[in-house]
Amino acid sequence: MSSAPQRKFTIAEYLAREERSEIKHEYSRGEIFAMSGGSHEHAVIAGNIFFHLRQALAGKGCRPFSSEQRVFVSADDLDTYPDTSVVCGEIQFAELDPNAIINPLAIVEVLSPSTANYDRGQKFESYRRLESLREYLTVDQFAARVECFSRDSAGNWKFNPVSGIDGEIALPALGCSLKLKDIYENIKFPQKQIRGSITSE
């Protein structure tokens, strides 16, 4: 016996529900998904990234936004809340969601165990449909590791992973860089047993 088809919502229905909701939801192709609450580490890392991007971009005509700012991908019918997004120049808003931006130059997602595959896969595929997007970062919260995807003028994406607390990730489209020691400020990584001694990853 087949199950009943999943109900599809309009973007207007989603926004009406979201306005009344105490938690955030993502809208994807007519479906609404609750966004799981992040860990303390997730919140600290996201806050660090926002703070240091704000400092690095001061006076450059670029504005970073926290996870309170929605981003709408019309080509993929996606309305979501990245951990950080950056717009340079004039901000453009979606017609269907006047509170969602549609022209981020950079997007950052702090990975969680439940969302890592989605953020690296289907969600990144959707983000790539944003013509404005030039930088996409995924940030590990359990080790000093950042994966940066940069799009060149020909539309090709280049993968640049950086590991280690002394590393630095270049963001050419933004004209700045982020040091991993700043991203992971006040973060204590899980310890693991190696050959009888306790070490930090």
N, C-alpha and C. Protein backbone atom coordinates (compact mmCIF):
# COMPACT_ATOMS: atom_id res chain seq x y z
N MET A 1 0.86 -1.19 0.00
CA MET A 1 0.00 0.00 0.00
C MET A 1 0.89 1.24 0.00
N SER A 2 0.67 2.13 -0.93
CA SER A 2 1.52 3.32 -1.04
C SER A 2 1.11 4.36 -0.02
N SER A 3 2.09 5.13 0.43
CA SER A 3 1.81 6.18 1.40
C SER A 3 1.22 7.39 0.70
N ALA A 4 0.55 8.25 1.49
CA ALA A 4 -0.05 9.45 0.92
C ALA A 4 1.04 10.39 0.44
N PRO A 5 0.80 11.09 -0.66
CA PRO A 5 1.81 12.02 -1.16
C PRO A 5 2.06 13.16 -0.18
N GLN A 6 3.31 13.60 -0.12
CA GLN A 6 3.68 14.69 0.76
C GLN A 6 3.05 15.99 0.27
N ARG A 7 2.43 16.73 1.19
CA ARG A 7 1.81 17.99 0.80
C ARG A 7 2.88 19.00 0.40
N LYS A 8 2.62 19.75 -0.67
CA LYS A 8 3.51 20.80 -1.12
C LYS A 8 2.96 22.15 -0.66
N PHE A 9 3.86 23.00 -0.16
CA PHE A 9 3.49 24.32 0.31
C PHE A 9 3.97 25.38 -0.69
N THR A 10 3.27 26.47 -0.75
CA THR A 10 3.74 27.61 -1.53
C THR A 10 4.72 28.40 -0.66
N ILE A 11 5.51 29.25 -1.30
CA ILE A 11 6.44 30.08 -0.54
C ILE A 11 5.67 31.02 0.39
N ALA A 12 4.50 31.47 -0.03
CA ALA A 12 3.68 32.34 0.82
C ALA A 12 3.22 31.61 2.08
N GLU A 13 2.83 30.35 1.92
CA GLU A 13 2.42 29.55 3.08
C GLU A 13 3.60 29.33 4.02
N TYR A 14 4.76 29.07 3.44
CA TYR A 14 5.97 28.90 4.25
C TYR A 14 6.27 30.15 5.07
N LEU A 15 6.24 31.30 4.43
CA LEU A 15 6.56 32.55 5.12
C LEU A 15 5.56 32.85 6.22
N ALA A 16 4.29 32.54 5.98
CA ALA A 16 3.27 32.77 7.01
C ALA A 16 3.52 31.88 8.22
N ARG A 17 3.88 30.62 7.96
CA ARG A 17 4.19 29.70 9.06
C ARG A 17 5.47 30.11 9.78
N GLU A 18 6.44 30.57 9.01
CA GLU A 18 7.73 30.95 9.59
C GLU A 18 7.59 32.16 10.50
N GLU A 19 6.71 33.06 10.14
CA GLU A 19 6.50 34.26 10.95
C GLU A 19 5.94 33.91 12.33
N ARG A 20 5.18 32.82 12.41
CA ARG A 20 4.58 32.41 13.68
C ARG A 20 5.45 31.42 14.45
N SER A 21 6.45 30.87 13.79
CA SER A 21 7.23 29.80 14.39
C SER A 21 8.31 30.31 15.35
N GLU A 22 8.60 29.52 16.38
CA GLU A 22 9.66 29.86 17.33
C GLU A 22 10.99 29.27 16.89
N ILE A 23 10.99 28.40 15.89
CA ILE A 23 12.23 27.82 15.37
C ILE A 23 12.30 28.09 13.87
N LYS A 24 13.51 27.99 13.33
CA LYS A 24 13.70 28.24 11.90
C LYS A 24 13.38 27.00 11.08
N HIS A 25 12.89 27.26 9.88
CA HIS A 25 12.62 26.18 8.93
C HIS A 25 13.22 26.54 7.58
N GLU A 26 13.57 25.52 6.83
CA GLU A 26 14.05 25.69 5.47
C GLU A 26 12.94 25.28 4.52
N TYR A 27 12.81 26.06 3.43
CA TYR A 27 11.83 25.75 2.41
C TYR A 27 12.56 25.23 1.18
N SER A 28 12.20 24.04 0.73
CA SER A 28 12.88 23.45 -0.42
C SER A 28 11.88 22.74 -1.31
N ARG A 29 11.67 23.33 -2.48
CA ARG A 29 10.83 22.73 -3.51
C ARG A 29 9.45 22.32 -2.98
N GLY A 30 8.86 23.22 -2.23
CA GLY A 30 7.50 22.99 -1.73
C GLY A 30 7.42 22.28 -0.41
N GLU A 31 8.54 21.83 0.13
CA GLU A 31 8.55 21.15 1.43
C GLU A 31 9.19 22.03 2.48
N ILE A 32 8.79 21.85 3.73
CA ILE A 32 9.29 22.64 4.84
C ILE A 32 9.97 21.72 5.84
N PHE A 33 11.20 22.07 6.19
CA PHE A 33 11.99 21.25 7.09
C PHE A 33 12.47 22.07 8.28
N ALA A 34 12.28 21.54 9.49
CA ALA A 34 12.80 22.21 10.68
C ALA A 34 14.32 22.16 10.66
N MET A 35 14.95 23.27 10.97
CA MET A 35 16.41 23.33 11.04
C MET A 35 16.83 23.03 12.47
N SER A 36 17.66 21.99 12.63
CA SER A 36 18.04 21.56 13.97
C SER A 36 18.88 22.62 14.66
N GLY A 37 18.72 22.72 15.98
CA GLY A 37 19.49 23.67 16.75
C GLY A 37 20.96 23.30 16.78
N GLY A 38 21.82 24.28 16.69
CA GLY A 38 23.25 24.01 16.68
C GLY A 38 23.82 23.84 18.08
N SER A 39 25.02 23.28 18.14
CA SER A 39 25.72 23.11 19.40
C SER A 39 26.34 24.43 19.84
N HIS A 40 26.86 24.45 21.07
CA HIS A 40 27.57 25.63 21.56
C HIS A 40 28.75 25.95 20.64
N GLU A 41 29.51 24.91 20.26
CA GLU A 41 30.66 25.10 19.39
C GLU A 41 30.24 25.70 18.04
N HIS A 42 29.13 25.21 17.52
CA HIS A 42 28.60 25.73 16.26
C HIS A 42 28.33 27.22 16.37
N ALA A 43 27.70 27.63 17.48
CA ALA A 43 27.36 29.04 17.68
C ALA A 43 28.61 29.90 17.82
N VAL A 44 29.61 29.40 18.56
CA VAL A 44 30.85 30.16 18.76
C VAL A 44 31.58 30.35 17.44
N ILE A 45 31.70 29.27 16.66
CA ILE A 45 32.42 29.35 15.38
C ILE A 45 31.70 30.31 14.42
N ALA A 46 30.38 30.18 14.32
CA ALA A 46 29.62 31.06 13.44
C ALA A 46 29.77 32.52 13.86
N GLY A 47 29.75 32.75 15.17
CA GLY A 47 29.93 34.11 15.68
C GLY A 47 31.31 34.66 15.37
N ASN A 48 32.34 33.80 15.52
CA ASN A 48 33.71 34.22 15.20
C ASN A 48 33.85 34.61 13.73
N ILE A 49 33.27 33.79 12.85
CA ILE A 49 33.36 34.06 11.42
C ILE A 49 32.69 35.38 11.08
N PHE A 50 31.51 35.61 11.61
CA PHE A 50 30.79 36.86 11.35
C PHE A 50 31.61 38.05 11.85
N PHE A 51 32.15 37.95 13.06
CA PHE A 51 32.90 39.06 13.66
C PHE A 51 34.14 39.40 12.84
N HIS A 52 34.91 38.38 12.48
CA HIS A 52 36.16 38.64 11.76
C HIS A 52 35.93 39.05 10.31
N LEU A 53 34.86 38.56 9.70
CA LEU A 53 34.51 39.04 8.36
C LEU A 53 34.08 40.51 8.42
N ARG A 54 33.34 40.85 9.45
CA ARG A 54 32.90 42.24 9.59
C ARG A 54 34.10 43.17 9.72
N GLN A 55 35.10 42.74 10.49
CA GLN A 55 36.31 43.55 10.63
C GLN A 55 37.09 43.63 9.32
N ALA A 56 37.25 42.47 8.66
CA ALA A 56 38.05 42.42 7.44
C ALA A 56 37.42 43.19 6.29
N LEU A 57 36.09 43.30 6.29
CA LEU A 57 35.39 43.93 5.16
C LEU A 57 35.01 45.38 5.43
N ALA A 58 35.38 45.91 6.59
CA ALA A 58 35.03 47.29 6.94
C ALA A 58 35.57 48.25 5.89
N GLY A 59 34.70 49.11 5.39
CA GLY A 59 35.11 50.10 4.40
C GLY A 59 35.23 49.59 2.98
N LYS A 60 34.87 48.33 2.74
CA LYS A 60 35.02 47.75 1.40
C LYS A 60 33.69 47.64 0.65
N GLY A 61 32.62 48.13 1.25
CA GLY A 61 31.33 48.06 0.58
C GLY A 61 30.69 46.70 0.65
N CYS A 62 31.14 45.85 1.57
CA CYS A 62 30.59 44.50 1.73
C CYS A 62 30.00 44.35 3.13
N ARG A 63 28.90 43.60 3.22
CA ARG A 63 28.23 43.42 4.51
C ARG A 63 28.02 41.94 4.80
N PRO A 64 28.56 41.45 5.93
CA PRO A 64 28.26 40.08 6.34
C PRO A 64 26.95 40.02 7.12
N PHE A 65 26.26 38.90 7.00
CA PHE A 65 25.01 38.69 7.72
C PHE A 65 25.10 37.39 8.52
N SER A 66 24.43 37.39 9.65
CA SER A 66 24.39 36.19 10.49
C SER A 66 23.32 35.24 9.98
N SER A 67 23.09 34.17 10.74
CA SER A 67 22.11 33.15 10.34
C SER A 67 20.67 33.61 10.45
N GLU A 68 20.45 34.85 10.90
CA GLU A 68 19.08 35.39 10.91
C GLU A 68 18.64 35.81 9.51
N GLN A 69 19.60 35.94 8.59
CA GLN A 69 19.29 36.41 7.24
C GLN A 69 19.01 35.24 6.30
N ARG A 70 17.83 35.23 5.69
CA ARG A 70 17.51 34.20 4.72
C ARG A 70 18.15 34.50 3.37
N VAL A 71 18.44 33.43 2.63
CA VAL A 71 18.90 33.52 1.25
C VAL A 71 17.93 32.71 0.40
N PHE A 72 17.48 33.28 -0.71
CA PHE A 72 16.53 32.61 -1.58
C PHE A 72 17.19 32.28 -2.91
N VAL A 73 17.08 31.01 -3.30
CA VAL A 73 17.62 30.54 -4.58
C VAL A 73 16.41 30.23 -5.47
N SER A 74 16.03 31.18 -6.31
CA SER A 74 14.82 31.01 -7.10
C SER A 74 14.94 29.85 -8.08
N ALA A 75 16.14 29.64 -8.64
CA ALA A 75 16.32 28.58 -9.64
C ALA A 75 16.11 27.20 -9.05
N ASP A 76 16.24 27.07 -7.74
CA ASP A 76 16.07 25.77 -7.10
C ASP A 76 14.95 25.77 -6.06
N ASP A 77 14.19 26.88 -6.00
CA ASP A 77 13.06 26.99 -5.09
C ASP A 77 13.48 26.68 -3.65
N LEU A 78 14.56 27.35 -3.21
CA LEU A 78 15.12 27.12 -1.88
C LEU A 78 15.16 28.43 -1.11
N ASP A 79 14.64 28.42 0.11
CA ASP A 79 14.69 29.56 1.02
C ASP A 79 15.30 29.04 2.32
N THR A 80 16.46 29.56 2.70
CA THR A 80 17.18 28.97 3.83
C THR A 80 17.99 30.00 4.59
N TYR A 81 18.59 29.57 5.69
CA TYR A 81 19.35 30.45 6.57
C TYR A 81 20.81 29.99 6.64
N PRO A 82 21.70 30.48 5.80
CA PRO A 82 23.11 30.11 5.94
C PRO A 82 23.66 30.63 7.26
N ASP A 83 24.73 30.01 7.75
CA ASP A 83 25.33 30.50 8.99
C ASP A 83 25.89 31.90 8.82
N THR A 84 26.48 32.18 7.67
CA THR A 84 26.95 33.53 7.34
C THR A 84 26.81 33.73 5.84
N SER A 85 26.43 34.92 5.45
CA SER A 85 26.40 35.29 4.03
C SER A 85 26.96 36.70 3.90
N VAL A 86 27.50 37.00 2.74
CA VAL A 86 28.11 38.31 2.50
C VAL A 86 27.60 38.87 1.19
N VAL A 87 27.17 40.12 1.22
CA VAL A 87 26.77 40.84 0.01
C VAL A 87 27.70 42.02 -0.16
N CYS A 88 28.19 42.21 -1.37
CA CYS A 88 29.01 43.37 -1.71
C CYS A 88 28.23 44.25 -2.68
N GLY A 89 28.18 45.54 -2.38
CA GLY A 89 27.39 46.44 -3.21
C GLY A 89 25.93 46.46 -2.77
N GLU A 90 25.07 46.77 -3.70
CA GLU A 90 23.64 46.89 -3.39
C GLU A 90 23.02 45.54 -3.08
N ILE A 91 22.22 45.49 -2.03
CA ILE A 91 21.53 44.26 -1.64
C ILE A 91 20.28 44.09 -2.50
N GLN A 92 20.11 42.88 -3.02
CA GLN A 92 18.93 42.56 -3.81
C GLN A 92 18.08 41.55 -3.04
N PHE A 93 16.77 41.79 -3.03
CA PHE A 93 15.85 40.93 -2.29
C PHE A 93 14.94 40.17 -3.25
N ALA A 94 14.49 39.01 -2.79
CA ALA A 94 13.62 38.16 -3.61
C ALA A 94 12.22 38.76 -3.72
N GLU A 95 11.61 38.62 -4.88
CA GLU A 95 10.24 39.09 -5.04
C GLU A 95 9.27 38.28 -4.19
N LEU A 96 9.51 36.96 -4.13
CA LEU A 96 8.59 36.10 -3.39
C LEU A 96 8.82 36.16 -1.88
N ASP A 97 10.03 36.54 -1.48
CA ASP A 97 10.35 36.69 -0.05
C ASP A 97 11.14 37.99 0.10
N PRO A 98 10.47 39.09 0.40
CA PRO A 98 11.13 40.39 0.45
C PRO A 98 12.16 40.53 1.56
N ASN A 99 12.28 39.54 2.44
CA ASN A 99 13.28 39.57 3.49
C ASN A 99 14.47 38.66 3.20
N ALA A 100 14.47 38.02 2.04
CA ALA A 100 15.55 37.11 1.67
C ALA A 100 16.42 37.74 0.60
N ILE A 101 17.74 37.65 0.77
CA ILE A 101 18.65 38.19 -0.22
C ILE A 101 18.87 37.17 -1.33
N ILE A 102 19.21 37.69 -2.52
CA ILE A 102 19.40 36.79 -3.67
C ILE A 102 20.76 36.98 -4.33
N ASN A 103 21.60 37.86 -3.78
CA ASN A 103 22.89 38.12 -4.42
C ASN A 103 24.09 38.05 -3.47
N PRO A 104 24.18 36.99 -2.67
CA PRO A 104 25.36 36.86 -1.82
C PRO A 104 26.60 36.56 -2.65
N LEU A 105 27.72 37.18 -2.29
CA LEU A 105 28.99 36.89 -2.93
C LEU A 105 29.67 35.70 -2.26
N ALA A 106 29.38 35.53 -0.97
CA ALA A 106 29.97 34.42 -0.21
C ALA A 106 28.95 33.85 0.76
N ILE A 107 29.05 32.55 0.98
CA ILE A 107 28.20 31.85 1.95
C ILE A 107 29.08 30.92 2.76
N VAL A 108 28.81 30.87 4.08
CA VAL A 108 29.54 29.98 4.97
C VAL A 108 28.55 29.10 5.71
N GLU A 109 28.84 27.79 5.76
CA GLU A 109 28.06 26.85 6.55
C GLU A 109 29.00 26.15 7.53
N VAL A 110 28.65 26.18 8.82
CA VAL A 110 29.37 25.41 9.84
C VAL A 110 28.74 24.02 9.88
N LEU A 111 29.55 23.01 9.64
CA LEU A 111 29.02 21.66 9.49
C LEU A 111 28.60 21.06 10.83
N SER A 112 27.49 20.36 10.81
CA SER A 112 27.01 19.57 11.94
C SER A 112 26.90 18.12 11.48
N PRO A 113 26.98 17.15 12.40
CA PRO A 113 26.90 15.74 11.99
C PRO A 113 25.65 15.43 11.16
N SER A 114 24.53 16.08 11.49
CA SER A 114 23.28 15.77 10.80
C SER A 114 23.13 16.48 9.46
N THR A 115 23.95 17.51 9.21
CA THR A 115 23.77 18.30 7.99
C THR A 115 25.00 18.33 7.09
N ALA A 116 26.12 17.74 7.50
CA ALA A 116 27.38 17.86 6.76
C ALA A 116 27.24 17.39 5.32
N ASN A 117 26.65 16.21 5.12
CA ASN A 117 26.51 15.68 3.76
C ASN A 117 25.61 16.57 2.90
N TYR A 118 24.56 17.07 3.50
CA TYR A 118 23.63 17.95 2.78
C TYR A 118 24.31 19.27 2.41
N ASP A 119 25.05 19.85 3.37
CA ASP A 119 25.72 21.13 3.11
C ASP A 119 26.78 20.99 2.02
N ARG A 120 27.47 19.86 2.00
CA ARG A 120 28.51 19.65 0.99
C ARG A 120 27.93 19.21 -0.36
N GLY A 121 26.74 18.64 -0.32
CA GLY A 121 26.16 18.07 -1.54
C GLY A 121 25.02 18.87 -2.12
N GLN A 122 23.79 18.47 -1.80
CA GLN A 122 22.61 19.07 -2.44
C GLN A 122 22.50 20.56 -2.19
N LYS A 123 22.84 20.99 -0.96
CA LYS A 123 22.70 22.42 -0.66
C LYS A 123 23.72 23.24 -1.44
N PHE A 124 24.95 22.74 -1.54
CA PHE A 124 25.96 23.44 -2.33
C PHE A 124 25.55 23.48 -3.79
N GLU A 125 24.94 22.40 -4.26
CA GLU A 125 24.46 22.37 -5.64
C GLU A 125 23.43 23.48 -5.87
N SER A 126 22.56 23.67 -4.89
CA SER A 126 21.57 24.75 -4.99
C SER A 126 22.24 26.11 -4.94
N TYR A 127 23.15 26.29 -4.01
CA TYR A 127 23.84 27.58 -3.89
C TYR A 127 24.57 27.95 -5.18
N ARG A 128 25.10 26.96 -5.87
CA ARG A 128 25.84 27.23 -7.11
C ARG A 128 24.96 27.85 -8.18
N ARG A 129 23.66 27.74 -8.03
CA ARG A 129 22.73 28.34 -9.00
C ARG A 129 22.60 29.86 -8.80
N LEU A 130 23.16 30.37 -7.70
CA LEU A 130 23.18 31.81 -7.49
C LEU A 130 24.28 32.42 -8.35
N GLU A 131 23.91 33.25 -9.30
CA GLU A 131 24.89 33.82 -10.22
C GLU A 131 25.93 34.67 -9.49
N SER A 132 25.55 35.26 -8.37
CA SER A 132 26.44 36.15 -7.64
C SER A 132 27.51 35.41 -6.84
N LEU A 133 27.26 34.15 -6.50
CA LEU A 133 28.11 33.45 -5.54
C LEU A 133 29.50 33.18 -6.11
N ARG A 134 30.52 33.56 -5.32
CA ARG A 134 31.91 33.34 -5.72
C ARG A 134 32.69 32.53 -4.69
N GLU A 135 32.25 32.54 -3.43
CA GLU A 135 32.96 31.81 -2.38
C GLU A 135 31.97 31.00 -1.55
N TYR A 136 32.28 29.72 -1.33
CA TYR A 136 31.46 28.89 -0.46
C TYR A 136 32.38 28.15 0.49
N LEU A 137 32.16 28.34 1.79
CA LEU A 137 33.00 27.72 2.81
C LEU A 137 32.19 26.76 3.66
N THR A 138 32.75 25.57 3.89
CA THR A 138 32.21 24.66 4.88
C THR A 138 33.24 24.53 5.98
N VAL A 139 32.80 24.67 7.23
CA VAL A 139 33.70 24.75 8.37
C VAL A 139 33.41 23.62 9.34
N ASP A 140 34.43 22.80 9.61
CA ASP A 140 34.31 21.70 10.56
C ASP A 140 34.26 22.26 11.97
N GLN A 141 33.42 21.70 12.83
CA GLN A 141 33.39 22.18 14.20
C GLN A 141 34.14 21.28 15.18
N PHE A 142 34.67 20.16 14.68
CA PHE A 142 35.37 19.22 15.55
C PHE A 142 36.87 19.17 15.29
N ALA A 143 37.34 19.87 14.29
CA ALA A 143 38.76 19.95 13.96
C ALA A 143 39.00 21.24 13.20
N ALA A 144 40.24 21.74 13.23
CA ALA A 144 40.57 22.98 12.52
C ALA A 144 40.68 22.67 11.03
N ARG A 145 39.56 22.72 10.35
CA ARG A 145 39.50 22.35 8.94
C ARG A 145 38.41 23.16 8.23
N VAL A 146 38.82 23.85 7.17
CA VAL A 146 37.88 24.64 6.38
C VAL A 146 38.03 24.25 4.91
N GLU A 147 36.91 24.02 4.24
CA GLU A 147 36.91 23.74 2.81
C GLU A 147 36.35 24.96 2.09
N CYS A 148 37.15 25.50 1.18
CA CYS A 148 36.73 26.69 0.44
C CYS A 148 36.57 26.34 -1.04
N PHE A 149 35.42 26.68 -1.59
CA PHE A 149 35.15 26.52 -3.01
C PHE A 149 35.03 27.91 -3.61
N SER A 150 35.89 28.22 -4.59
CA SER A 150 35.89 29.54 -5.22
C SER A 150 35.56 29.41 -6.70
N ARG A 151 34.70 30.30 -7.20
CA ARG A 151 34.33 30.29 -8.61
C ARG A 151 35.09 31.38 -9.36
N ASP A 152 35.76 31.01 -10.45
CA ASP A 152 36.53 31.98 -11.22
C ASP A 152 35.64 32.68 -12.25
N SER A 153 36.23 33.57 -13.02
CA SER A 153 35.47 34.36 -13.98
C SER A 153 34.85 33.51 -15.09
N ALA A 154 35.41 32.32 -15.30
CA ALA A 154 34.87 31.42 -16.33
C ALA A 154 33.75 30.54 -15.78
N GLY A 155 33.48 30.66 -14.49
CA GLY A 155 32.42 29.87 -13.88
C GLY A 155 32.86 28.54 -13.33
N ASN A 156 34.16 28.28 -13.31
CA ASN A 156 34.69 27.03 -12.78
C ASN A 156 34.95 27.15 -11.28
N TRP A 157 34.67 26.06 -10.56
CA TRP A 157 34.86 26.05 -9.12
C TRP A 157 36.19 25.38 -8.77
N LYS A 158 36.95 26.03 -7.89
CA LYS A 158 38.23 25.50 -7.42
C LYS A 158 38.11 25.14 -5.95
N PHE A 159 38.59 23.95 -5.61
CA PHE A 159 38.50 23.44 -4.23
C PHE A 159 39.81 23.71 -3.50
N ASN A 160 39.73 24.37 -2.35
CA ASN A 160 40.92 24.71 -1.59
C ASN A 160 40.70 24.39 -0.11
N PRO A 161 41.06 23.18 0.34
CA PRO A 161 40.92 22.85 1.75
C PRO A 161 42.11 23.34 2.56
N VAL A 162 41.86 23.82 3.77
CA VAL A 162 42.92 24.28 4.67
C VAL A 162 42.71 23.63 6.03
N SER A 163 43.77 23.03 6.57
CA SER A 163 43.69 22.36 7.86
C SER A 163 44.80 22.87 8.78
N GLY A 164 44.55 22.79 10.08
CA GLY A 164 45.55 23.20 11.05
C GLY A 164 45.26 24.58 11.60
N ILE A 165 45.43 24.75 12.90
CA ILE A 165 45.07 26.00 13.55
C ILE A 165 45.90 27.17 13.07
N ASP A 166 47.07 26.91 12.48
CA ASP A 166 47.91 27.99 11.96
C ASP A 166 47.62 28.32 10.50
N GLY A 167 46.61 27.68 9.93
CA GLY A 167 46.28 27.91 8.53
C GLY A 167 45.53 29.20 8.30
N GLU A 168 45.43 29.58 7.03
CA GLU A 168 44.71 30.79 6.63
C GLU A 168 44.02 30.53 5.31
N ILE A 169 42.76 30.94 5.23
CA ILE A 169 41.98 30.69 4.03
C ILE A 169 41.79 31.99 3.27
N ALA A 170 42.23 32.01 2.01
CA ALA A 170 42.11 33.20 1.17
C ALA A 170 40.73 33.27 0.55
N LEU A 171 40.17 34.48 0.52
CA LEU A 171 38.87 34.72 -0.09
C LEU A 171 39.04 35.82 -1.14
N PRO A 172 39.53 35.44 -2.32
CA PRO A 172 39.87 36.45 -3.33
C PRO A 172 38.70 37.31 -3.77
N ALA A 173 37.51 36.76 -3.83
CA ALA A 173 36.36 37.55 -4.27
C ALA A 173 36.03 38.66 -3.27
N LEU A 174 36.37 38.43 -2.00
CA LEU A 174 36.11 39.43 -0.96
C LEU A 174 37.32 40.31 -0.70
N GLY A 175 38.46 39.93 -1.27
CA GLY A 175 39.67 40.71 -1.05
C GLY A 175 40.18 40.63 0.36
N CYS A 176 39.99 39.48 1.02
CA CYS A 176 40.46 39.32 2.39
C CYS A 176 40.75 37.85 2.65
N SER A 177 41.15 37.54 3.86
CA SER A 177 41.40 36.16 4.25
C SER A 177 40.94 35.97 5.69
N LEU A 178 40.81 34.71 6.10
CA LEU A 178 40.44 34.38 7.47
C LEU A 178 41.46 33.41 8.03
N LYS A 179 41.95 33.71 9.22
CA LYS A 179 42.87 32.82 9.90
C LYS A 179 42.08 31.79 10.69
N LEU A 180 42.52 30.54 10.62
CA LEU A 180 41.78 29.50 11.33
C LEU A 180 41.83 29.71 12.84
N LYS A 181 42.90 30.32 13.36
CA LYS A 181 42.96 30.57 14.79
C LYS A 181 41.88 31.57 15.23
N ASP A 182 41.47 32.45 14.29
CA ASP A 182 40.38 33.36 14.59
C ASP A 182 39.02 32.67 14.47
N ILE A 183 38.89 31.81 13.46
CA ILE A 183 37.64 31.06 13.29
C ILE A 183 37.36 30.19 14.51
N TYR A 184 38.42 29.57 15.05
CA TYR A 184 38.26 28.62 16.15
C TYR A 184 38.63 29.21 17.51
N GLU A 185 38.60 30.51 17.62
CA GLU A 185 38.87 31.16 18.90
C GLU A 185 37.88 30.68 19.97
N ASN A 186 38.39 30.31 21.13
CA ASN A 186 37.59 29.82 22.27
C ASN A 186 36.97 28.45 22.03
N ILE A 187 37.50 27.70 21.08
CA ILE A 187 37.02 26.34 20.82
C ILE A 187 38.07 25.35 21.33
N LYS A 188 37.60 24.38 22.11
CA LYS A 188 38.46 23.29 22.57
C LYS A 188 38.07 22.04 21.80
N PHE A 189 39.00 21.52 21.02
CA PHE A 189 38.69 20.36 20.20
C PHE A 189 38.65 19.09 21.05
N PRO A 190 37.85 18.10 20.61
CA PRO A 190 37.78 16.83 21.33
C PRO A 190 39.16 16.18 21.41
N GLN A 191 39.45 15.57 22.54
CA GLN A 191 40.71 14.87 22.72
C GLN A 191 40.54 13.40 22.36
N LYS A 192 41.60 12.80 21.87
CA LYS A 192 41.53 11.38 21.53
C LYS A 192 42.80 10.69 21.99
N GLN A 193 42.69 9.41 22.24
CA GLN A 193 43.80 8.61 22.73
C GLN A 193 44.67 8.12 21.57
N ILE A 194 45.96 8.47 21.59
CA ILE A 194 46.88 8.01 20.56
C ILE A 194 48.13 7.45 21.23
N ARG A 195 48.35 6.14 21.07
CA ARG A 195 49.53 5.46 21.59
C ARG A 195 49.74 5.76 23.08
N GLY A 196 48.63 5.72 23.80
CA GLY A 196 48.74 5.83 25.24
C GLY A 196 48.76 7.24 25.78
N SER A 197 48.77 8.24 24.93
CA SER A 197 48.80 9.63 25.42
C SER A 197 47.60 10.38 24.89
N ILE A 198 47.17 11.36 25.63
CA ILE A 198 46.03 12.18 25.21
C ILE A 198 46.53 13.36 24.41
N THR A 199 45.99 13.52 23.21
CA THR A 199 46.38 14.65 22.38
C THR A 199 45.15 15.32 21.84
N SER A 200 45.26 16.58 21.48
CA SER A 200 44.15 17.30 20.85
C SER A 200 44.31 17.23 19.35
N GLU A 201 43.19 17.05 18.65
CA GLU A 201 43.23 16.98 17.19
C GLU A 201 43.42 18.38 16.63
